[in-house]
Amino acid sequence: MKNIDLNIFQGINQMLRPQKGRILIAEPFLQGPYFARSIVLLTEHGEEGSVGFVLNKSTDVYPDEVIEDLFNFGGELFIGGPVSSNTLHFLHTMGKDVPGSMQITPSIYWGGDFEAIKQLINAGKADKNSVRFFAGYAGWSPGQLESEIEENSWIVTNLDDYRIMHANSGTIWKESMENLGDVYRTWSNFPTNPAFN
């Protein structure tokens, strides 16, 4: 008689490895206020560790409430992760119009001159679809992220730049999981709290 592996939590062997510009999708039962059902954009990955920003955890605070001389931005302030939660970071699509920014994907940049991004927003040349602000960031020490991936805590995949910048924080986790197909479509339908099922 042949044994059948019914462990649906054992993800399909991943073909992609973590690197700058890729995203991490949390497995359905990863817990905690920062990473439960989260989508993380990796902005650094190397021998010194990894850095990223959670794309789908918004706050009740708006950037123009906490950033001096920022007017009529209209976008949300996201919780980037548990590290240095009292610091402010931003992703944008303004390229070299923001000196000192680091290119992460073909059209998404990280950081740069803060006054420059404020001026672009205030001049109406940048908005919530081209700039995303984050309080804190997600960080992993050398080898830590790889260990978590081996434990199936994260799925590594790609997401197009438009969806990264325009993501609906309430639906992007489920949609991204469904788009992976196979067992991941099943994962996308698991209840947030299995005790409620």
N, C-alpha and C. Protein backbone atom coordinates (compact mmCIF):
# COMPACT_ATOMS: atom_id res chain seq x y z
N MET A 1 0.85 -1.19 0.00
CA MET A 1 0.00 0.00 0.00
C MET A 1 0.88 1.24 0.00
N LYS A 2 0.55 2.19 -0.86
CA LYS A 2 1.36 3.41 -0.99
C LYS A 2 0.85 4.48 -0.04
N ASN A 3 1.80 5.10 0.68
CA ASN A 3 1.43 6.21 1.55
C ASN A 3 1.29 7.49 0.73
N ILE A 4 0.27 8.27 1.05
CA ILE A 4 0.03 9.54 0.36
C ILE A 4 0.38 10.67 1.31
N ASP A 5 1.19 11.58 0.82
CA ASP A 5 1.59 12.74 1.64
C ASP A 5 0.47 13.78 1.58
N LEU A 6 -0.21 13.95 2.69
CA LEU A 6 -1.30 14.92 2.75
C LEU A 6 -0.89 16.21 3.44
N ASN A 7 0.40 16.42 3.60
CA ASN A 7 0.87 17.63 4.28
C ASN A 7 0.85 18.81 3.30
N ILE A 8 -0.26 19.52 3.30
CA ILE A 8 -0.39 20.64 2.36
C ILE A 8 0.44 21.84 2.78
N PHE A 9 1.03 21.79 3.98
CA PHE A 9 1.87 22.90 4.40
C PHE A 9 3.28 22.77 3.85
N GLN A 10 3.58 21.63 3.26
CA GLN A 10 4.89 21.44 2.65
C GLN A 10 4.83 22.05 1.27
N GLY A 11 5.38 23.23 1.10
CA GLY A 11 5.31 23.92 -0.18
C GLY A 11 6.08 23.20 -1.27
N ILE A 12 5.73 23.50 -2.47
CA ILE A 12 6.46 22.96 -3.61
C ILE A 12 7.87 23.53 -3.58
N ASN A 13 8.87 22.71 -3.93
CA ASN A 13 10.24 23.19 -3.92
C ASN A 13 10.36 24.49 -4.70
N GLN A 14 10.91 25.48 -4.06
CA GLN A 14 10.97 26.79 -4.68
C GLN A 14 12.12 26.87 -5.68
N MET A 15 11.82 27.46 -6.82
CA MET A 15 12.84 27.64 -7.85
C MET A 15 13.58 28.97 -7.66
N LEU A 16 12.90 29.93 -7.03
CA LEU A 16 13.49 31.25 -6.88
C LEU A 16 14.17 31.38 -5.53
N ARG A 17 15.27 32.08 -5.51
CA ARG A 17 16.00 32.37 -4.28
C ARG A 17 15.83 33.85 -3.95
N PRO A 18 15.95 34.21 -2.69
CA PRO A 18 15.78 35.62 -2.34
C PRO A 18 16.86 36.49 -2.98
N GLN A 19 16.45 37.65 -3.45
CA GLN A 19 17.38 38.64 -3.97
C GLN A 19 16.67 39.98 -4.04
N LYS A 20 17.44 41.02 -4.16
CA LYS A 20 16.89 42.37 -4.24
C LYS A 20 15.86 42.45 -5.36
N GLY A 21 14.69 43.02 -5.04
CA GLY A 21 13.64 43.19 -6.03
C GLY A 21 12.61 42.09 -6.05
N ARG A 22 12.88 40.97 -5.38
CA ARG A 22 11.89 39.91 -5.29
C ARG A 22 11.01 40.13 -4.05
N ILE A 23 9.87 39.42 -4.04
CA ILE A 23 8.99 39.56 -2.88
C ILE A 23 8.92 38.25 -2.11
N LEU A 24 8.56 38.40 -0.85
CA LEU A 24 8.30 37.26 0.04
C LEU A 24 6.82 37.26 0.36
N ILE A 25 6.19 36.10 0.22
CA ILE A 25 4.80 35.94 0.62
C ILE A 25 4.77 35.04 1.84
N ALA A 26 4.17 35.53 2.92
CA ALA A 26 4.12 34.75 4.16
C ALA A 26 3.19 33.55 4.00
N GLU A 27 3.61 32.39 4.54
CA GLU A 27 2.71 31.24 4.55
C GLU A 27 1.51 31.58 5.44
N PRO A 28 0.37 30.88 5.26
CA PRO A 28 -0.88 31.35 5.86
C PRO A 28 -0.92 31.40 7.37
N PHE A 29 -0.09 30.61 8.07
CA PHE A 29 -0.17 30.60 9.52
C PHE A 29 1.03 31.26 10.20
N LEU A 30 1.84 31.97 9.44
CA LEU A 30 2.90 32.77 10.05
C LEU A 30 2.24 33.83 10.91
N GLN A 31 2.61 33.90 12.17
CA GLN A 31 1.91 34.76 13.11
C GLN A 31 2.67 36.06 13.39
N GLY A 32 2.00 36.94 14.11
CA GLY A 32 2.61 38.19 14.56
C GLY A 32 2.03 39.39 13.85
N PRO A 33 2.08 40.54 14.49
CA PRO A 33 1.46 41.75 13.93
C PRO A 33 2.15 42.26 12.67
N TYR A 34 3.42 41.94 12.49
CA TYR A 34 4.15 42.46 11.34
C TYR A 34 4.08 41.55 10.12
N PHE A 35 4.16 40.23 10.35
CA PHE A 35 4.34 39.34 9.21
C PHE A 35 3.16 38.42 8.89
N ALA A 36 2.13 38.39 9.71
CA ALA A 36 0.98 37.55 9.40
C ALA A 36 0.38 37.98 8.06
N ARG A 37 0.31 37.05 7.11
CA ARG A 37 -0.24 37.28 5.77
C ARG A 37 0.36 38.53 5.12
N SER A 38 1.65 38.63 5.22
CA SER A 38 2.33 39.81 4.68
C SER A 38 2.97 39.54 3.33
N ILE A 39 3.20 40.63 2.62
CA ILE A 39 3.97 40.65 1.37
C ILE A 39 5.13 41.59 1.62
N VAL A 40 6.36 41.12 1.41
CA VAL A 40 7.55 41.93 1.69
C VAL A 40 8.36 42.10 0.41
N LEU A 41 8.69 43.33 0.08
CA LEU A 41 9.61 43.60 -1.03
C LEU A 41 11.02 43.64 -0.48
N LEU A 42 11.90 42.78 -1.00
CA LEU A 42 13.30 42.79 -0.57
C LEU A 42 14.05 43.93 -1.27
N THR A 43 14.68 44.76 -0.48
CA THR A 43 15.47 45.87 -1.04
C THR A 43 16.97 45.62 -0.90
N GLU A 44 17.34 44.66 -0.07
CA GLU A 44 18.74 44.24 0.06
C GLU A 44 18.76 42.75 0.41
N HIS A 45 19.72 42.04 -0.17
CA HIS A 45 19.93 40.65 0.23
C HIS A 45 21.36 40.28 -0.13
N GLY A 46 22.11 39.84 0.87
CA GLY A 46 23.50 39.49 0.62
C GLY A 46 24.14 38.87 1.83
N GLU A 47 25.46 38.88 1.84
CA GLU A 47 26.21 38.25 2.92
C GLU A 47 25.98 38.92 4.28
N GLU A 48 25.59 40.19 4.26
CA GLU A 48 25.38 40.91 5.52
C GLU A 48 23.95 40.82 6.01
N GLY A 49 23.10 40.11 5.28
CA GLY A 49 21.71 39.96 5.70
C GLY A 49 20.74 40.49 4.66
N SER A 50 19.51 40.71 5.11
CA SER A 50 18.45 41.12 4.20
C SER A 50 17.64 42.26 4.80
N VAL A 51 17.11 43.11 3.92
CA VAL A 51 16.24 44.22 4.31
C VAL A 51 15.06 44.23 3.37
N GLY A 52 13.88 44.53 3.91
CA GLY A 52 12.70 44.64 3.06
C GLY A 52 11.64 45.48 3.72
N PHE A 53 10.55 45.68 2.99
CA PHE A 53 9.43 46.48 3.50
C PHE A 53 8.12 45.73 3.29
N VAL A 54 7.34 45.63 4.36
CA VAL A 54 6.02 44.99 4.28
C VAL A 54 5.10 45.93 3.50
N LEU A 55 4.50 45.42 2.44
CA LEU A 55 3.70 46.25 1.54
C LEU A 55 2.24 46.37 1.94
N ASN A 56 1.76 45.50 2.81
CA ASN A 56 0.31 45.45 3.02
C ASN A 56 -0.14 45.61 4.47
N LYS A 57 0.63 46.36 5.26
CA LYS A 57 0.22 46.64 6.64
C LYS A 57 0.13 48.16 6.82
N SER A 58 -1.06 48.70 6.59
CA SER A 58 -1.22 50.15 6.70
C SER A 58 -1.52 50.56 8.14
N THR A 59 -1.33 51.83 8.42
CA THR A 59 -1.60 52.39 9.75
C THR A 59 -2.80 53.33 9.65
N ASP A 60 -3.20 53.86 10.79
CA ASP A 60 -4.27 54.86 10.83
C ASP A 60 -3.71 56.27 10.72
N VAL A 61 -2.41 56.36 10.49
CA VAL A 61 -1.73 57.66 10.40
C VAL A 61 -1.39 57.93 8.94
N TYR A 62 -1.48 59.19 8.55
CA TYR A 62 -1.13 59.56 7.17
C TYR A 62 0.21 60.29 7.16
N PRO A 63 0.99 60.10 6.10
CA PRO A 63 2.32 60.72 6.06
C PRO A 63 2.31 62.22 6.28
N ASP A 64 1.31 62.92 5.74
CA ASP A 64 1.32 64.37 5.92
C ASP A 64 0.96 64.80 7.34
N GLU A 65 0.62 63.83 8.19
CA GLU A 65 0.41 64.12 9.62
C GLU A 65 1.71 64.05 10.41
N VAL A 66 2.70 63.36 9.87
CA VAL A 66 3.95 63.16 10.62
C VAL A 66 5.17 63.76 9.91
N ILE A 67 5.02 64.14 8.66
CA ILE A 67 6.14 64.72 7.91
C ILE A 67 5.91 66.22 7.78
N GLU A 68 6.84 66.96 8.32
CA GLU A 68 6.72 68.42 8.30
C GLU A 68 6.76 68.95 6.87
N ASP A 69 5.87 69.88 6.58
CA ASP A 69 5.81 70.56 5.27
C ASP A 69 5.50 69.61 4.11
N LEU A 70 4.77 68.55 4.38
CA LEU A 70 4.26 67.69 3.30
C LEU A 70 2.77 67.97 3.19
N PHE A 71 2.35 68.33 1.97
CA PHE A 71 0.97 68.79 1.81
C PHE A 71 0.19 67.92 0.82
N ASN A 72 -1.05 67.59 1.20
CA ASN A 72 -2.00 66.94 0.29
C ASN A 72 -1.45 65.68 -0.37
N PHE A 73 -0.77 64.84 0.39
CA PHE A 73 -0.24 63.62 -0.20
C PHE A 73 -1.34 62.60 -0.46
N GLY A 74 -2.17 62.35 0.54
CA GLY A 74 -3.31 61.46 0.35
C GLY A 74 -3.01 59.98 0.49
N GLY A 75 -1.76 59.58 0.51
CA GLY A 75 -1.42 58.17 0.63
C GLY A 75 -1.34 57.73 2.08
N GLU A 76 -1.21 56.42 2.26
CA GLU A 76 -1.14 55.85 3.60
C GLU A 76 0.30 55.77 4.10
N LEU A 77 0.43 55.62 5.41
CA LEU A 77 1.71 55.28 6.02
C LEU A 77 1.66 53.81 6.36
N PHE A 78 2.62 53.03 5.84
CA PHE A 78 2.63 51.59 6.05
C PHE A 78 3.63 51.22 7.15
N ILE A 79 3.37 50.08 7.78
CA ILE A 79 4.31 49.53 8.76
C ILE A 79 5.30 48.69 7.96
N GLY A 80 6.52 49.18 7.83
CA GLY A 80 7.50 48.49 7.01
C GLY A 80 8.06 47.23 7.64
N GLY A 81 7.98 47.16 8.96
CA GLY A 81 8.50 46.00 9.67
C GLY A 81 8.84 46.36 11.11
N PRO A 82 9.33 45.41 11.87
CA PRO A 82 9.56 45.63 13.31
C PRO A 82 10.85 46.35 13.66
N VAL A 83 11.74 46.55 12.70
CA VAL A 83 13.05 47.14 13.01
C VAL A 83 12.97 48.66 12.89
N SER A 84 13.48 49.35 13.91
CA SER A 84 13.55 50.83 13.91
C SER A 84 12.21 51.44 13.49
N SER A 85 11.16 51.06 14.21
CA SER A 85 9.81 51.51 13.84
C SER A 85 9.61 53.01 13.99
N ASN A 86 10.57 53.70 14.61
CA ASN A 86 10.47 55.15 14.74
C ASN A 86 11.18 55.88 13.60
N THR A 87 11.62 55.14 12.56
CA THR A 87 12.27 55.76 11.41
C THR A 87 11.33 55.71 10.21
N LEU A 88 11.51 56.65 9.30
CA LEU A 88 10.66 56.77 8.12
C LEU A 88 11.45 56.43 6.87
N HIS A 89 10.86 55.63 6.00
CA HIS A 89 11.51 55.21 4.75
C HIS A 89 10.52 55.37 3.62
N PHE A 90 11.01 55.35 2.38
CA PHE A 90 10.08 55.43 1.26
C PHE A 90 10.61 54.71 0.03
N LEU A 91 9.64 54.15 -0.72
CA LEU A 91 9.88 53.60 -2.04
C LEU A 91 9.23 54.56 -3.03
N HIS A 92 9.79 54.63 -4.23
CA HIS A 92 9.22 55.56 -5.20
C HIS A 92 9.57 55.14 -6.62
N THR A 93 8.90 55.78 -7.57
CA THR A 93 9.17 55.53 -8.99
C THR A 93 9.70 56.78 -9.67
N MET A 94 10.29 57.68 -8.90
CA MET A 94 10.75 58.97 -9.44
C MET A 94 12.18 58.91 -9.95
N GLY A 95 12.82 57.77 -9.81
CA GLY A 95 14.15 57.56 -10.37
C GLY A 95 15.17 58.58 -9.90
N LYS A 96 15.95 59.06 -10.86
CA LYS A 96 17.04 59.97 -10.54
C LYS A 96 16.58 61.38 -10.22
N ASP A 97 15.26 61.62 -10.27
CA ASP A 97 14.75 62.90 -9.79
C ASP A 97 14.92 63.03 -8.29
N VAL A 98 15.21 61.90 -7.63
CA VAL A 98 15.47 61.90 -6.19
C VAL A 98 16.92 61.47 -5.99
N PRO A 99 17.83 62.43 -5.84
CA PRO A 99 19.25 62.10 -5.71
C PRO A 99 19.51 61.15 -4.54
N GLY A 100 20.43 60.23 -4.74
CA GLY A 100 20.82 59.32 -3.68
C GLY A 100 19.94 58.10 -3.55
N SER A 101 18.93 57.95 -4.41
CA SER A 101 18.05 56.79 -4.30
C SER A 101 18.72 55.55 -4.89
N MET A 102 18.31 54.37 -4.43
CA MET A 102 18.87 53.10 -4.87
C MET A 102 17.84 52.35 -5.70
N GLN A 103 18.22 51.94 -6.90
CA GLN A 103 17.29 51.22 -7.77
C GLN A 103 17.11 49.79 -7.26
N ILE A 104 15.84 49.37 -7.11
CA ILE A 104 15.51 48.05 -6.59
C ILE A 104 14.98 47.14 -7.69
N THR A 105 14.13 47.67 -8.54
CA THR A 105 13.55 46.96 -9.68
C THR A 105 13.69 47.89 -10.89
N PRO A 106 13.22 47.49 -12.07
CA PRO A 106 13.35 48.40 -13.22
C PRO A 106 12.79 49.80 -12.99
N SER A 107 11.72 49.94 -12.19
CA SER A 107 11.15 51.27 -12.00
C SER A 107 10.96 51.70 -10.55
N ILE A 108 11.33 50.85 -9.59
CA ILE A 108 11.15 51.20 -8.18
C ILE A 108 12.49 51.48 -7.52
N TYR A 109 12.53 52.57 -6.77
CA TYR A 109 13.73 53.03 -6.08
C TYR A 109 13.45 53.11 -4.59
N TRP A 110 14.53 53.03 -3.82
CA TRP A 110 14.43 53.09 -2.36
C TRP A 110 15.21 54.30 -1.86
N GLY A 111 14.51 55.13 -1.09
CA GLY A 111 15.16 56.24 -0.39
C GLY A 111 15.69 57.33 -1.29
N GLY A 112 16.67 58.03 -0.76
CA GLY A 112 17.24 59.19 -1.44
C GLY A 112 16.98 60.46 -0.67
N ASP A 113 17.14 61.57 -1.33
CA ASP A 113 17.01 62.89 -0.72
C ASP A 113 15.57 63.13 -0.28
N PHE A 114 15.36 63.23 1.03
CA PHE A 114 14.01 63.37 1.55
C PHE A 114 13.37 64.69 1.14
N GLU A 115 14.15 65.76 1.12
CA GLU A 115 13.61 67.05 0.71
C GLU A 115 13.18 67.02 -0.75
N ALA A 116 13.91 66.29 -1.57
CA ALA A 116 13.57 66.20 -2.99
C ALA A 116 12.23 65.50 -3.19
N ILE A 117 11.99 64.41 -2.45
CA ILE A 117 10.71 63.71 -2.62
C ILE A 117 9.57 64.57 -2.11
N LYS A 118 9.79 65.32 -1.03
CA LYS A 118 8.76 66.23 -0.54
C LYS A 118 8.43 67.30 -1.57
N GLN A 119 9.45 67.86 -2.20
CA GLN A 119 9.23 68.90 -3.21
C GLN A 119 8.45 68.35 -4.40
N LEU A 120 8.77 67.13 -4.82
CA LEU A 120 8.05 66.52 -5.95
C LEU A 120 6.58 66.30 -5.60
N ILE A 121 6.32 65.86 -4.36
CA ILE A 121 4.93 65.65 -3.94
C ILE A 121 4.20 66.98 -3.85
N ASN A 122 4.80 67.95 -3.22
CA ASN A 122 4.16 69.25 -3.05
C ASN A 122 3.92 69.97 -4.37
N ALA A 123 4.75 69.66 -5.37
CA ALA A 123 4.59 70.27 -6.70
C ALA A 123 3.60 69.51 -7.57
N GLY A 124 3.04 68.42 -7.03
CA GLY A 124 2.08 67.63 -7.79
C GLY A 124 2.71 66.70 -8.80
N LYS A 125 4.02 66.49 -8.71
CA LYS A 125 4.72 65.62 -9.66
C LYS A 125 4.85 64.18 -9.15
N ALA A 126 4.47 63.93 -7.91
CA ALA A 126 4.48 62.60 -7.32
C ALA A 126 3.27 62.47 -6.42
N ASP A 127 2.72 61.27 -6.35
CA ASP A 127 1.53 61.05 -5.52
C ASP A 127 1.60 59.66 -4.88
N LYS A 128 0.49 59.22 -4.31
CA LYS A 128 0.47 57.95 -3.58
C LYS A 128 0.74 56.75 -4.48
N ASN A 129 0.59 56.90 -5.80
CA ASN A 129 0.89 55.81 -6.71
C ASN A 129 2.36 55.75 -7.12
N SER A 130 3.09 56.81 -6.80
CA SER A 130 4.51 56.83 -7.15
C SER A 130 5.42 56.90 -5.93
N VAL A 131 4.83 57.06 -4.74
CA VAL A 131 5.62 57.11 -3.50
C VAL A 131 4.85 56.34 -2.42
N ARG A 132 5.57 55.48 -1.68
CA ARG A 132 4.98 54.79 -0.53
C ARG A 132 5.90 54.99 0.67
N PHE A 133 5.31 55.46 1.78
CA PHE A 133 6.06 55.72 3.01
C PHE A 133 5.88 54.57 4.00
N PHE A 134 6.96 54.27 4.73
CA PHE A 134 6.96 53.16 5.69
C PHE A 134 7.58 53.60 7.01
N ALA A 135 6.96 53.16 8.11
CA ALA A 135 7.56 53.32 9.44
C ALA A 135 8.28 52.01 9.74
N GLY A 136 9.59 52.07 9.89
CA GLY A 136 10.38 50.89 10.18
C GLY A 136 10.60 50.02 8.95
N TYR A 137 11.29 48.92 9.16
CA TYR A 137 11.58 47.99 8.06
C TYR A 137 11.74 46.58 8.61
N ALA A 138 11.78 45.63 7.71
CA ALA A 138 12.01 44.23 8.07
C ALA A 138 13.48 43.90 7.84
N GLY A 139 14.10 43.23 8.78
CA GLY A 139 15.51 42.91 8.64
C GLY A 139 15.82 41.49 9.10
N TRP A 140 16.76 40.86 8.43
CA TRP A 140 17.20 39.51 8.76
C TRP A 140 18.71 39.48 8.84
N SER A 141 19.26 38.80 9.82
CA SER A 141 20.71 38.65 9.94
C SER A 141 21.19 37.65 8.89
N PRO A 142 22.50 37.56 8.66
CA PRO A 142 23.02 36.63 7.63
C PRO A 142 22.51 35.20 7.85
N GLY A 143 21.93 34.63 6.81
CA GLY A 143 21.44 33.26 6.86
C GLY A 143 20.06 33.08 7.46
N GLN A 144 19.55 34.10 8.16
CA GLN A 144 18.26 33.96 8.85
C GLN A 144 17.11 33.80 7.87
N LEU A 145 17.08 34.61 6.83
CA LEU A 145 15.98 34.53 5.88
C LEU A 145 15.99 33.18 5.15
N GLU A 146 17.18 32.72 4.77
CA GLU A 146 17.27 31.42 4.10
C GLU A 146 16.71 30.30 4.98
N SER A 147 17.00 30.38 6.28
CA SER A 147 16.49 29.37 7.22
C SER A 147 14.96 29.42 7.28
N GLU A 148 14.41 30.61 7.31
CA GLU A 148 12.95 30.75 7.37
C GLU A 148 12.30 30.25 6.08
N ILE A 149 12.96 30.45 4.96
CA ILE A 149 12.44 29.95 3.68
C ILE A 149 12.47 28.43 3.66
N GLU A 150 13.54 27.84 4.18
CA GLU A 150 13.64 26.38 4.24
C GLU A 150 12.56 25.79 5.13
N GLU A 151 12.14 26.55 6.13
CA GLU A 151 11.07 26.11 7.03
C GLU A 151 9.69 26.38 6.43
N ASN A 152 9.64 26.86 5.20
CA ASN A 152 8.39 27.18 4.49
C ASN A 152 7.62 28.33 5.11
N SER A 153 8.31 29.24 5.81
CA SER A 153 7.64 30.43 6.34
C SER A 153 7.36 31.44 5.23
N TRP A 154 8.19 31.42 4.19
CA TRP A 154 8.07 32.39 3.10
C TRP A 154 8.13 31.70 1.74
N ILE A 155 7.41 32.27 0.78
CA ILE A 155 7.52 31.88 -0.61
C ILE A 155 8.19 33.03 -1.33
N VAL A 156 9.21 32.74 -2.10
CA VAL A 156 9.93 33.78 -2.86
C VAL A 156 9.38 33.81 -4.27
N THR A 157 8.99 34.98 -4.74
CA THR A 157 8.46 35.10 -6.09
C THR A 157 8.70 36.52 -6.60
N ASN A 158 8.17 36.79 -7.78
CA ASN A 158 8.26 38.12 -8.37
C ASN A 158 6.88 38.75 -8.42
N LEU A 159 6.85 40.05 -8.41
CA LEU A 159 5.60 40.80 -8.55
C LEU A 159 5.92 42.01 -9.41
N ASP A 160 5.06 42.30 -10.37
CA ASP A 160 5.39 43.41 -11.26
C ASP A 160 5.34 44.74 -10.52
N ASP A 161 6.12 45.68 -11.02
CA ASP A 161 6.28 46.97 -10.34
C ASP A 161 4.96 47.70 -10.14
N TYR A 162 4.08 47.61 -11.12
CA TYR A 162 2.79 48.31 -10.99
C TYR A 162 2.03 47.80 -9.77
N ARG A 163 1.98 46.47 -9.60
CA ARG A 163 1.23 45.92 -8.47
C ARG A 163 1.91 46.25 -7.14
N ILE A 164 3.22 46.32 -7.13
CA ILE A 164 3.92 46.69 -5.89
C ILE A 164 3.51 48.09 -5.45
N MET A 165 3.42 49.00 -6.39
CA MET A 165 3.13 50.40 -6.04
C MET A 165 1.64 50.69 -5.92
N HIS A 166 0.79 49.88 -6.54
CA HIS A 166 -0.65 50.13 -6.51
C HIS A 166 -1.42 49.10 -5.70
N ALA A 167 -0.70 48.28 -4.97
CA ALA A 167 -1.34 47.15 -4.29
C ALA A 167 -2.45 47.59 -3.33
N ASN A 168 -3.54 46.84 -3.36
CA ASN A 168 -4.58 47.00 -2.35
C ASN A 168 -4.14 46.18 -1.15
N SER A 169 -3.85 46.85 -0.05
CA SER A 169 -3.27 46.14 1.10
C SER A 169 -4.20 45.08 1.66
N GLY A 170 -5.49 45.20 1.41
CA GLY A 170 -6.43 44.23 1.94
C GLY A 170 -6.53 42.95 1.13
N THR A 171 -6.09 42.97 -0.13
CA THR A 171 -6.27 41.80 -1.00
C THR A 171 -4.99 41.26 -1.62
N ILE A 172 -3.88 41.97 -1.53
CA ILE A 172 -2.68 41.57 -2.27
C ILE A 172 -2.12 40.23 -1.80
N TRP A 173 -2.23 39.91 -0.51
CA TRP A 173 -1.70 38.62 -0.06
C TRP A 173 -2.45 37.46 -0.71
N LYS A 174 -3.77 37.50 -0.64
CA LYS A 174 -4.59 36.43 -1.20
C LYS A 174 -4.41 36.34 -2.72
N GLU A 175 -4.41 37.47 -3.40
CA GLU A 175 -4.27 37.47 -4.85
C GLU A 175 -2.91 36.92 -5.26
N SER A 176 -1.86 37.32 -4.55
CA SER A 176 -0.51 36.86 -4.90
C SER A 176 -0.38 35.36 -4.65
N MET A 177 -0.97 34.88 -3.57
CA MET A 177 -0.93 33.45 -3.28
C MET A 177 -1.70 32.66 -4.35
N GLU A 178 -2.87 33.15 -4.72
CA GLU A 178 -3.67 32.47 -5.75
C GLU A 178 -2.93 32.41 -7.08
N ASN A 179 -2.22 33.48 -7.41
CA ASN A 179 -1.52 33.54 -8.70
C ASN A 179 -0.40 32.51 -8.81
N LEU A 180 0.06 31.97 -7.68
CA LEU A 180 1.10 30.95 -7.71
C LEU A 180 0.55 29.59 -8.12
N GLY A 181 -0.79 29.42 -8.01
CA GLY A 181 -1.42 28.17 -8.42
C GLY A 181 -1.12 27.02 -7.49
N ASP A 182 -1.46 25.80 -7.95
CA ASP A 182 -1.20 24.56 -7.25
C ASP A 182 -1.63 24.61 -5.78
N VAL A 183 -0.76 24.13 -4.89
CA VAL A 183 -1.12 24.05 -3.48
C VAL A 183 -1.31 25.44 -2.87
N TYR A 184 -0.67 26.45 -3.46
CA TYR A 184 -0.76 27.79 -2.88
C TYR A 184 -2.17 28.37 -3.00
N ARG A 185 -2.92 27.95 -4.02
CA ARG A 185 -4.30 28.41 -4.13
C ARG A 185 -5.11 27.91 -2.93
N THR A 186 -4.80 26.70 -2.48
CA THR A 186 -5.45 26.17 -1.27
C THR A 186 -5.05 26.99 -0.06
N TRP A 187 -3.76 27.31 0.03
CA TRP A 187 -3.28 28.12 1.15
C TRP A 187 -4.02 29.45 1.24
N SER A 188 -4.33 30.05 0.08
CA SER A 188 -4.94 31.38 0.07
C SER A 188 -6.32 31.39 0.71
N ASN A 189 -6.96 30.21 0.81
CA ASN A 189 -8.31 30.14 1.36
C ASN A 189 -8.36 29.71 2.81
N PHE A 190 -7.20 29.46 3.42
CA PHE A 190 -7.21 29.08 4.82
C PHE A 190 -7.71 30.25 5.67
N PRO A 191 -8.51 29.97 6.72
CA PRO A 191 -8.96 31.05 7.59
C PRO A 191 -7.79 31.66 8.34
N THR A 192 -7.90 32.91 8.67
CA THR A 192 -6.84 33.59 9.41
C THR A 192 -6.57 32.88 10.73
N ASN A 193 -7.65 32.48 11.39
CA ASN A 193 -7.54 31.71 12.62
C ASN A 193 -8.21 30.36 12.37
N PRO A 194 -7.41 29.26 12.27
CA PRO A 194 -8.00 27.95 11.95
C PRO A 194 -9.01 27.47 12.97
N ALA A 195 -8.98 28.01 14.18
CA ALA A 195 -9.95 27.62 15.21
C ALA A 195 -11.36 28.06 14.84
N PHE A 196 -11.47 29.06 13.93
CA PHE A 196 -12.78 29.55 13.54
C PHE A 196 -13.39 28.74 12.40
N ASN A 197 -12.65 27.82 11.84
CA ASN A 197 -13.14 27.06 10.69
C ASN A 197 -14.11 25.97 11.14
